[in-house]
Amino acid sequence: MVSYHFEDTSFSFKYRTRTRRWLKIVAESEIRKIGELSIIFCSDNYILDVNNKFLGHDYFTDIITFDYCEGDVLSGDLFISVDTVRENAREYGTEFDNELSRVIVHGLLHLIGYDDHTEDEKKLMRKKEDYYLSLLEHVQ
């Protein structure tokens, strides 16, 4: 089950059902199932506090993923800074909704087991993101 939460933001997410369906397709394509997945939309300040408190990092980021997966069941918390996603969309010249979807699937790919520490891992992650974003266009 995918649930949505909002912390320190007035952001309203209008694609809840479509995103649930899409994430289920992504999970099944990777031979996984969706368990308990929480997507927490928040502000830059909120994610900075999470980053400091739980990871010891003192910087802003677009997403922090906490992994609670067991076997092939994907469970976790995806903390997403709406502020940073908006800023990144401007920087990369893309639509906000597209960048937000990329960040959401990026978090799910981390739960599946993909990393982005090396250049090769980053290339594979981007390839997977692009592929799954192309599938989103067909989800109602």
N, C-alpha and C. Protein backbone atom coordinates (compact mmCIF):
# COMPACT_ATOMS: atom_id res chain seq x y z
N MET A 1 0.83 -1.18 0.00
CA MET A 1 0.00 0.00 0.00
C MET A 1 0.89 1.25 0.00
N VAL A 2 0.55 2.19 -0.84
CA VAL A 2 1.26 3.46 -0.91
C VAL A 2 0.42 4.50 -0.18
N SER A 3 1.05 5.18 0.78
CA SER A 3 0.35 6.26 1.47
C SER A 3 1.13 7.56 1.28
N TYR A 4 0.41 8.66 1.36
CA TYR A 4 0.99 9.98 1.13
C TYR A 4 0.84 10.83 2.38
N HIS A 5 1.91 11.56 2.70
CA HIS A 5 1.92 12.41 3.88
C HIS A 5 2.56 13.74 3.52
N PHE A 6 2.27 14.75 4.31
CA PHE A 6 2.75 16.10 4.04
C PHE A 6 3.27 16.70 5.33
N GLU A 7 4.51 17.19 5.29
CA GLU A 7 5.15 17.78 6.47
C GLU A 7 5.74 19.13 6.11
N ASP A 8 5.30 20.17 6.79
CA ASP A 8 5.87 21.51 6.63
C ASP A 8 5.78 22.00 5.19
N THR A 9 4.66 21.71 4.53
CA THR A 9 4.45 22.15 3.16
C THR A 9 2.96 22.30 2.90
N SER A 10 2.63 23.22 2.01
CA SER A 10 1.23 23.38 1.59
C SER A 10 0.98 22.64 0.29
N PHE A 11 1.97 21.91 -0.19
CA PHE A 11 1.89 21.16 -1.43
C PHE A 11 0.74 20.15 -1.38
N SER A 12 0.03 20.05 -2.49
CA SER A 12 -1.05 19.07 -2.63
C SER A 12 -0.73 18.18 -3.83
N PHE A 13 -0.73 16.88 -3.61
CA PHE A 13 -0.39 15.92 -4.66
C PHE A 13 -1.65 15.37 -5.29
N LYS A 14 -1.85 15.64 -6.58
CA LYS A 14 -3.10 15.28 -7.24
C LYS A 14 -3.06 13.96 -8.02
N TYR A 15 -1.90 13.31 -8.06
CA TYR A 15 -1.78 12.08 -8.86
C TYR A 15 -1.62 10.83 -8.00
N ARG A 16 -2.33 10.77 -6.92
CA ARG A 16 -2.15 9.67 -5.95
C ARG A 16 -2.47 8.30 -6.56
N THR A 17 -3.64 8.16 -7.13
CA THR A 17 -4.07 6.86 -7.66
C THR A 17 -3.19 6.44 -8.84
N ARG A 18 -2.93 7.37 -9.74
CA ARG A 18 -2.08 7.08 -10.89
C ARG A 18 -0.69 6.66 -10.44
N THR A 19 -0.14 7.33 -9.46
CA THR A 19 1.20 7.01 -8.97
C THR A 19 1.22 5.64 -8.31
N ARG A 20 0.18 5.31 -7.54
CA ARG A 20 0.10 3.97 -6.92
C ARG A 20 0.14 2.89 -8.00
N ARG A 21 -0.66 3.08 -9.04
CA ARG A 21 -0.71 2.09 -10.13
C ARG A 21 0.65 1.97 -10.82
N TRP A 22 1.27 3.12 -11.06
CA TRP A 22 2.57 3.15 -11.74
C TRP A 22 3.64 2.45 -10.90
N LEU A 23 3.69 2.75 -9.62
CA LEU A 23 4.70 2.12 -8.76
C LEU A 23 4.50 0.61 -8.67
N LYS A 24 3.26 0.18 -8.73
CA LYS A 24 2.98 -1.27 -8.75
C LYS A 24 3.54 -1.89 -10.03
N ILE A 25 3.39 -1.20 -11.16
CA ILE A 25 3.93 -1.68 -12.43
C ILE A 25 5.46 -1.75 -12.37
N VAL A 26 6.07 -0.70 -11.81
CA VAL A 26 7.53 -0.67 -11.68
C VAL A 26 7.99 -1.85 -10.81
N ALA A 27 7.36 -2.03 -9.67
CA ALA A 27 7.73 -3.12 -8.76
C ALA A 27 7.60 -4.47 -9.45
N GLU A 28 6.47 -4.70 -10.12
CA GLU A 28 6.25 -5.98 -10.78
C GLU A 28 7.25 -6.20 -11.91
N SER A 29 7.65 -5.14 -12.60
CA SER A 29 8.64 -5.25 -13.67
C SER A 29 10.00 -5.69 -13.12
N GLU A 30 10.24 -5.38 -11.86
CA GLU A 30 11.50 -5.74 -11.20
C GLU A 30 11.33 -6.98 -10.31
N ILE A 31 10.23 -7.71 -10.53
CA ILE A 31 9.93 -8.93 -9.78
C ILE A 31 9.84 -8.65 -8.27
N ARG A 32 9.12 -7.61 -7.94
CA ARG A 32 8.92 -7.20 -6.55
C ARG A 32 7.44 -6.89 -6.34
N LYS A 33 7.07 -6.68 -5.08
CA LYS A 33 5.71 -6.28 -4.71
C LYS A 33 5.81 -5.05 -3.82
N ILE A 34 4.78 -4.23 -3.89
CA ILE A 34 4.71 -3.07 -3.00
C ILE A 34 4.16 -3.52 -1.66
N GLY A 35 4.89 -3.21 -0.60
CA GLY A 35 4.43 -3.47 0.76
C GLY A 35 3.88 -2.18 1.33
N GLU A 36 4.47 -1.71 2.40
CA GLU A 36 4.08 -0.44 3.03
C GLU A 36 5.06 0.63 2.59
N LEU A 37 4.60 1.48 1.70
CA LEU A 37 5.44 2.54 1.14
C LEU A 37 4.81 3.89 1.50
N SER A 38 5.56 4.71 2.24
CA SER A 38 5.09 6.04 2.60
C SER A 38 5.89 7.07 1.81
N ILE A 39 5.16 7.95 1.14
CA ILE A 39 5.79 9.06 0.43
C ILE A 39 5.46 10.31 1.23
N ILE A 40 6.50 10.93 1.76
CA ILE A 40 6.33 12.09 2.62
C ILE A 40 6.84 13.32 1.88
N PHE A 41 5.93 14.18 1.46
CA PHE A 41 6.29 15.43 0.80
C PHE A 41 6.58 16.45 1.88
N CYS A 42 7.69 17.16 1.75
CA CYS A 42 8.08 18.09 2.81
C CYS A 42 8.85 19.28 2.24
N SER A 43 9.24 20.17 3.13
CA SER A 43 10.00 21.37 2.77
C SER A 43 11.50 21.07 2.82
N ASP A 44 12.29 22.01 2.30
CA ASP A 44 13.74 21.90 2.41
C ASP A 44 14.18 21.80 3.87
N ASN A 45 13.61 22.65 4.72
CA ASN A 45 14.01 22.65 6.13
C ASN A 45 13.69 21.33 6.81
N TYR A 46 12.55 20.75 6.47
CA TYR A 46 12.16 19.47 7.07
C TYR A 46 13.13 18.36 6.66
N ILE A 47 13.44 18.29 5.36
CA ILE A 47 14.33 17.22 4.88
C ILE A 47 15.75 17.43 5.41
N LEU A 48 16.16 18.69 5.58
CA LEU A 48 17.47 18.97 6.17
C LEU A 48 17.53 18.43 7.60
N ASP A 49 16.45 18.63 8.34
CA ASP A 49 16.39 18.11 9.71
C ASP A 49 16.46 16.58 9.72
N VAL A 50 15.73 15.92 8.82
CA VAL A 50 15.78 14.46 8.71
C VAL A 50 17.19 14.01 8.35
N ASN A 51 17.79 14.71 7.40
CA ASN A 51 19.15 14.38 6.95
C ASN A 51 20.16 14.50 8.09
N ASN A 52 20.03 15.57 8.88
CA ASN A 52 20.91 15.77 10.04
C ASN A 52 20.69 14.70 11.10
N LYS A 53 19.43 14.54 11.47
CA LYS A 53 19.06 13.68 12.60
C LYS A 53 19.37 12.21 12.36
N PHE A 54 19.05 11.71 11.18
CA PHE A 54 19.13 10.27 10.94
C PHE A 54 20.37 9.83 10.15
N LEU A 55 20.93 10.75 9.35
CA LEU A 55 22.06 10.36 8.51
C LEU A 55 23.34 11.13 8.84
N GLY A 56 23.22 12.16 9.69
CA GLY A 56 24.39 12.94 10.05
C GLY A 56 24.91 13.83 8.92
N HIS A 57 24.05 14.12 7.95
CA HIS A 57 24.43 14.96 6.81
C HIS A 57 23.85 16.35 6.99
N ASP A 58 24.64 17.37 6.73
CA ASP A 58 24.20 18.75 6.90
C ASP A 58 24.05 19.43 5.53
N TYR A 59 23.16 18.87 4.71
CA TYR A 59 22.90 19.49 3.40
C TYR A 59 21.48 19.14 2.93
N PHE A 60 21.01 19.97 2.00
CA PHE A 60 19.70 19.75 1.40
C PHE A 60 19.80 18.65 0.34
N THR A 61 18.70 17.98 0.10
CA THR A 61 18.64 16.96 -0.94
C THR A 61 17.20 16.87 -1.42
N ASP A 62 16.99 16.24 -2.55
CA ASP A 62 15.63 16.11 -3.07
C ASP A 62 14.89 14.92 -2.45
N ILE A 63 15.62 13.87 -2.11
CA ILE A 63 14.97 12.68 -1.56
C ILE A 63 15.89 11.95 -0.58
N ILE A 64 15.28 11.43 0.46
CA ILE A 64 15.94 10.51 1.38
C ILE A 64 15.06 9.28 1.46
N THR A 65 15.68 8.12 1.26
CA THR A 65 14.95 6.86 1.24
C THR A 65 15.36 6.01 2.45
N PHE A 66 14.37 5.61 3.22
CA PHE A 66 14.60 4.68 4.33
C PHE A 66 14.02 3.33 3.91
N ASP A 67 14.86 2.32 3.94
CA ASP A 67 14.54 1.00 3.41
C ASP A 67 14.10 0.06 4.54
N TYR A 68 12.87 -0.46 4.42
CA TYR A 68 12.34 -1.45 5.36
C TYR A 68 11.93 -2.73 4.62
N CYS A 69 12.55 -2.98 3.47
CA CYS A 69 12.18 -4.11 2.61
C CYS A 69 12.48 -5.44 3.28
N GLU A 70 11.64 -6.41 2.96
CA GLU A 70 11.87 -7.80 3.38
C GLU A 70 11.65 -8.68 2.17
N GLY A 71 12.72 -9.35 1.75
CA GLY A 71 12.63 -10.21 0.57
C GLY A 71 12.26 -9.41 -0.66
N ASP A 72 11.22 -9.86 -1.34
CA ASP A 72 10.81 -9.16 -2.57
C ASP A 72 9.71 -8.13 -2.32
N VAL A 73 9.43 -7.83 -1.05
CA VAL A 73 8.39 -6.85 -0.70
C VAL A 73 9.05 -5.50 -0.41
N LEU A 74 8.66 -4.49 -1.19
CA LEU A 74 9.24 -3.15 -1.09
C LEU A 74 8.48 -2.32 -0.06
N SER A 75 9.16 -2.00 1.00
CA SER A 75 8.59 -1.15 2.05
C SER A 75 9.63 -0.10 2.44
N GLY A 76 9.14 1.10 2.70
CA GLY A 76 10.06 2.15 3.11
C GLY A 76 9.39 3.49 3.17
N ASP A 77 10.19 4.48 3.55
CA ASP A 77 9.74 5.87 3.60
C ASP A 77 10.55 6.66 2.58
N LEU A 78 9.86 7.42 1.75
CA LEU A 78 10.50 8.31 0.79
C LEU A 78 10.19 9.74 1.22
N PHE A 79 11.18 10.42 1.76
CA PHE A 79 11.04 11.83 2.13
C PHE A 79 11.46 12.65 0.91
N ILE A 80 10.55 13.47 0.40
CA ILE A 80 10.80 14.24 -0.82
C ILE A 80 10.63 15.72 -0.53
N SER A 81 11.70 16.49 -0.77
CA SER A 81 11.61 17.94 -0.61
C SER A 81 11.00 18.54 -1.87
N VAL A 82 9.78 19.03 -1.73
CA VAL A 82 9.09 19.66 -2.85
C VAL A 82 9.86 20.90 -3.30
N ASP A 83 10.47 21.62 -2.35
CA ASP A 83 11.24 22.82 -2.68
C ASP A 83 12.41 22.48 -3.60
N THR A 84 13.18 21.46 -3.26
CA THR A 84 14.34 21.09 -4.07
C THR A 84 13.91 20.51 -5.40
N VAL A 85 12.84 19.73 -5.43
CA VAL A 85 12.34 19.20 -6.70
C VAL A 85 11.95 20.35 -7.62
N ARG A 86 11.28 21.35 -7.08
CA ARG A 86 10.88 22.51 -7.88
C ARG A 86 12.11 23.25 -8.42
N GLU A 87 13.10 23.44 -7.56
CA GLU A 87 14.34 24.10 -7.97
C GLU A 87 15.08 23.29 -9.04
N ASN A 88 15.14 21.97 -8.86
CA ASN A 88 15.80 21.10 -9.84
C ASN A 88 15.08 21.12 -11.18
N ALA A 89 13.76 21.16 -11.16
CA ALA A 89 12.99 21.21 -12.41
C ALA A 89 13.37 22.46 -13.20
N ARG A 90 13.46 23.60 -12.50
CA ARG A 90 13.88 24.84 -13.17
C ARG A 90 15.30 24.70 -13.72
N GLU A 91 16.19 24.16 -12.89
CA GLU A 91 17.60 24.03 -13.28
C GLU A 91 17.77 23.12 -14.49
N TYR A 92 17.02 22.01 -14.52
CA TYR A 92 17.16 21.03 -15.61
C TYR A 92 16.23 21.32 -16.79
N GLY A 93 15.40 22.36 -16.67
CA GLY A 93 14.51 22.73 -17.77
C GLY A 93 13.42 21.72 -18.03
N THR A 94 12.89 21.14 -16.97
CA THR A 94 11.82 20.15 -17.12
C THR A 94 10.60 20.59 -16.32
N GLU A 95 9.49 19.96 -16.56
CA GLU A 95 8.27 20.26 -15.82
C GLU A 95 8.39 19.72 -14.39
N PHE A 96 7.78 20.43 -13.46
CA PHE A 96 7.81 20.01 -12.06
C PHE A 96 7.27 18.59 -11.90
N ASP A 97 6.12 18.29 -12.51
CA ASP A 97 5.52 16.95 -12.35
C ASP A 97 6.44 15.85 -12.85
N ASN A 98 7.15 16.13 -13.95
CA ASN A 98 8.09 15.15 -14.48
C ASN A 98 9.25 14.92 -13.51
N GLU A 99 9.80 16.00 -12.98
CA GLU A 99 10.91 15.87 -12.04
C GLU A 99 10.46 15.16 -10.76
N LEU A 100 9.25 15.47 -10.31
CA LEU A 100 8.73 14.81 -9.11
C LEU A 100 8.57 13.31 -9.35
N SER A 101 8.05 12.93 -10.50
CA SER A 101 7.91 11.51 -10.82
C SER A 101 9.27 10.84 -10.88
N ARG A 102 10.26 11.53 -11.45
CA ARG A 102 11.62 10.97 -11.51
C ARG A 102 12.15 10.71 -10.10
N VAL A 103 11.94 11.64 -9.20
CA VAL A 103 12.44 11.50 -7.83
C VAL A 103 11.71 10.35 -7.12
N ILE A 104 10.42 10.24 -7.34
CA ILE A 104 9.65 9.15 -6.71
C ILE A 104 10.17 7.79 -7.19
N VAL A 105 10.32 7.63 -8.50
CA VAL A 105 10.79 6.32 -9.00
C VAL A 105 12.24 6.09 -8.61
N HIS A 106 13.02 7.15 -8.49
CA HIS A 106 14.41 7.03 -8.02
C HIS A 106 14.42 6.40 -6.62
N GLY A 107 13.54 6.88 -5.75
CA GLY A 107 13.45 6.31 -4.41
C GLY A 107 13.05 4.85 -4.44
N LEU A 108 12.08 4.51 -5.28
CA LEU A 108 11.65 3.11 -5.38
C LEU A 108 12.79 2.24 -5.91
N LEU A 109 13.54 2.76 -6.89
CA LEU A 109 14.67 2.00 -7.42
C LEU A 109 15.73 1.74 -6.35
N HIS A 110 15.92 2.69 -5.44
CA HIS A 110 16.83 2.44 -4.31
C HIS A 110 16.31 1.29 -3.46
N LEU A 111 14.99 1.25 -3.22
CA LEU A 111 14.42 0.15 -2.42
C LEU A 111 14.60 -1.19 -3.13
N ILE A 112 14.56 -1.16 -4.45
CA ILE A 112 14.73 -2.39 -5.23
C ILE A 112 16.17 -2.88 -5.13
N GLY A 113 17.10 -1.95 -4.90
CA GLY A 113 18.50 -2.34 -4.74
C GLY A 113 19.48 -1.61 -5.64
N TYR A 114 18.99 -0.70 -6.45
CA TYR A 114 19.89 0.07 -7.32
C TYR A 114 20.55 1.19 -6.51
N ASP A 115 21.83 1.44 -6.82
CA ASP A 115 22.56 2.52 -6.17
C ASP A 115 23.01 3.53 -7.21
N ASP A 116 23.53 4.64 -6.74
CA ASP A 116 24.01 5.68 -7.66
C ASP A 116 25.30 6.32 -7.14
N HIS A 117 26.18 5.49 -6.63
CA HIS A 117 27.44 5.98 -6.07
C HIS A 117 28.52 6.14 -7.15
N THR A 118 28.58 5.19 -8.08
CA THR A 118 29.59 5.25 -9.14
C THR A 118 28.95 5.78 -10.42
N GLU A 119 29.79 6.13 -11.37
CA GLU A 119 29.28 6.62 -12.67
C GLU A 119 28.45 5.55 -13.37
N ASP A 120 28.91 4.29 -13.33
CA ASP A 120 28.15 3.21 -13.97
C ASP A 120 26.79 3.02 -13.30
N GLU A 121 26.77 3.08 -11.97
CA GLU A 121 25.49 2.96 -11.24
C GLU A 121 24.57 4.12 -11.58
N LYS A 122 25.12 5.31 -11.67
CA LYS A 122 24.31 6.49 -12.02
C LYS A 122 23.70 6.35 -13.41
N LYS A 123 24.49 5.84 -14.35
CA LYS A 123 23.98 5.63 -15.72
C LYS A 123 22.84 4.62 -15.74
N LEU A 124 23.02 3.52 -15.02
CA LEU A 124 21.97 2.50 -14.97
C LEU A 124 20.72 3.06 -14.29
N MET A 125 20.90 3.79 -13.19
CA MET A 125 19.76 4.39 -12.48
C MET A 125 19.01 5.33 -13.41
N ARG A 126 19.71 6.18 -14.14
CA ARG A 126 19.07 7.13 -15.07
C ARG A 126 18.34 6.39 -16.18
N LYS A 127 18.93 5.32 -16.68
CA LYS A 127 18.29 4.51 -17.72
C LYS A 127 16.98 3.91 -17.20
N LYS A 128 17.01 3.37 -15.99
CA LYS A 128 15.81 2.80 -15.37
C LYS A 128 14.76 3.89 -15.15
N GLU A 129 15.18 5.04 -14.62
CA GLU A 129 14.25 6.16 -14.41
C GLU A 129 13.57 6.54 -15.72
N ASP A 130 14.37 6.72 -16.77
CA ASP A 130 13.82 7.12 -18.07
C ASP A 130 12.82 6.08 -18.59
N TYR A 131 13.18 4.81 -18.46
CA TYR A 131 12.29 3.74 -18.92
C TYR A 131 10.96 3.78 -18.16
N TYR A 132 11.02 3.85 -16.85
CA TYR A 132 9.79 3.82 -16.06
C TYR A 132 8.98 5.11 -16.21
N LEU A 133 9.66 6.22 -16.44
CA LEU A 133 8.92 7.46 -16.74
C LEU A 133 8.16 7.33 -18.05
N SER A 134 8.73 6.62 -19.01
CA SER A 134 8.03 6.42 -20.28
C SER A 134 6.78 5.56 -20.10
N LEU A 135 6.80 4.66 -19.13
CA LEU A 135 5.61 3.84 -18.85
C LEU A 135 4.51 4.66 -18.17
N LEU A 136 4.90 5.66 -17.39
CA LEU A 136 3.94 6.48 -16.65
C LEU A 136 2.95 7.16 -17.59
N GLU A 137 3.42 7.51 -18.78
CA GLU A 137 2.54 8.19 -19.75
C GLU A 137 1.30 7.35 -20.09
N HIS A 138 1.38 6.04 -19.92
CA HIS A 138 0.30 5.14 -20.30
C HIS A 138 -0.56 4.70 -19.12
N VAL A 139 -0.26 5.20 -17.94
CA VAL A 139 -1.02 4.81 -16.73
C VAL A 139 -2.14 5.82 -16.50
N GLN A 140 -3.32 5.30 -16.29
CA GLN A 140 -4.48 6.16 -16.04
C GLN A 140 -4.68 6.39 -14.55
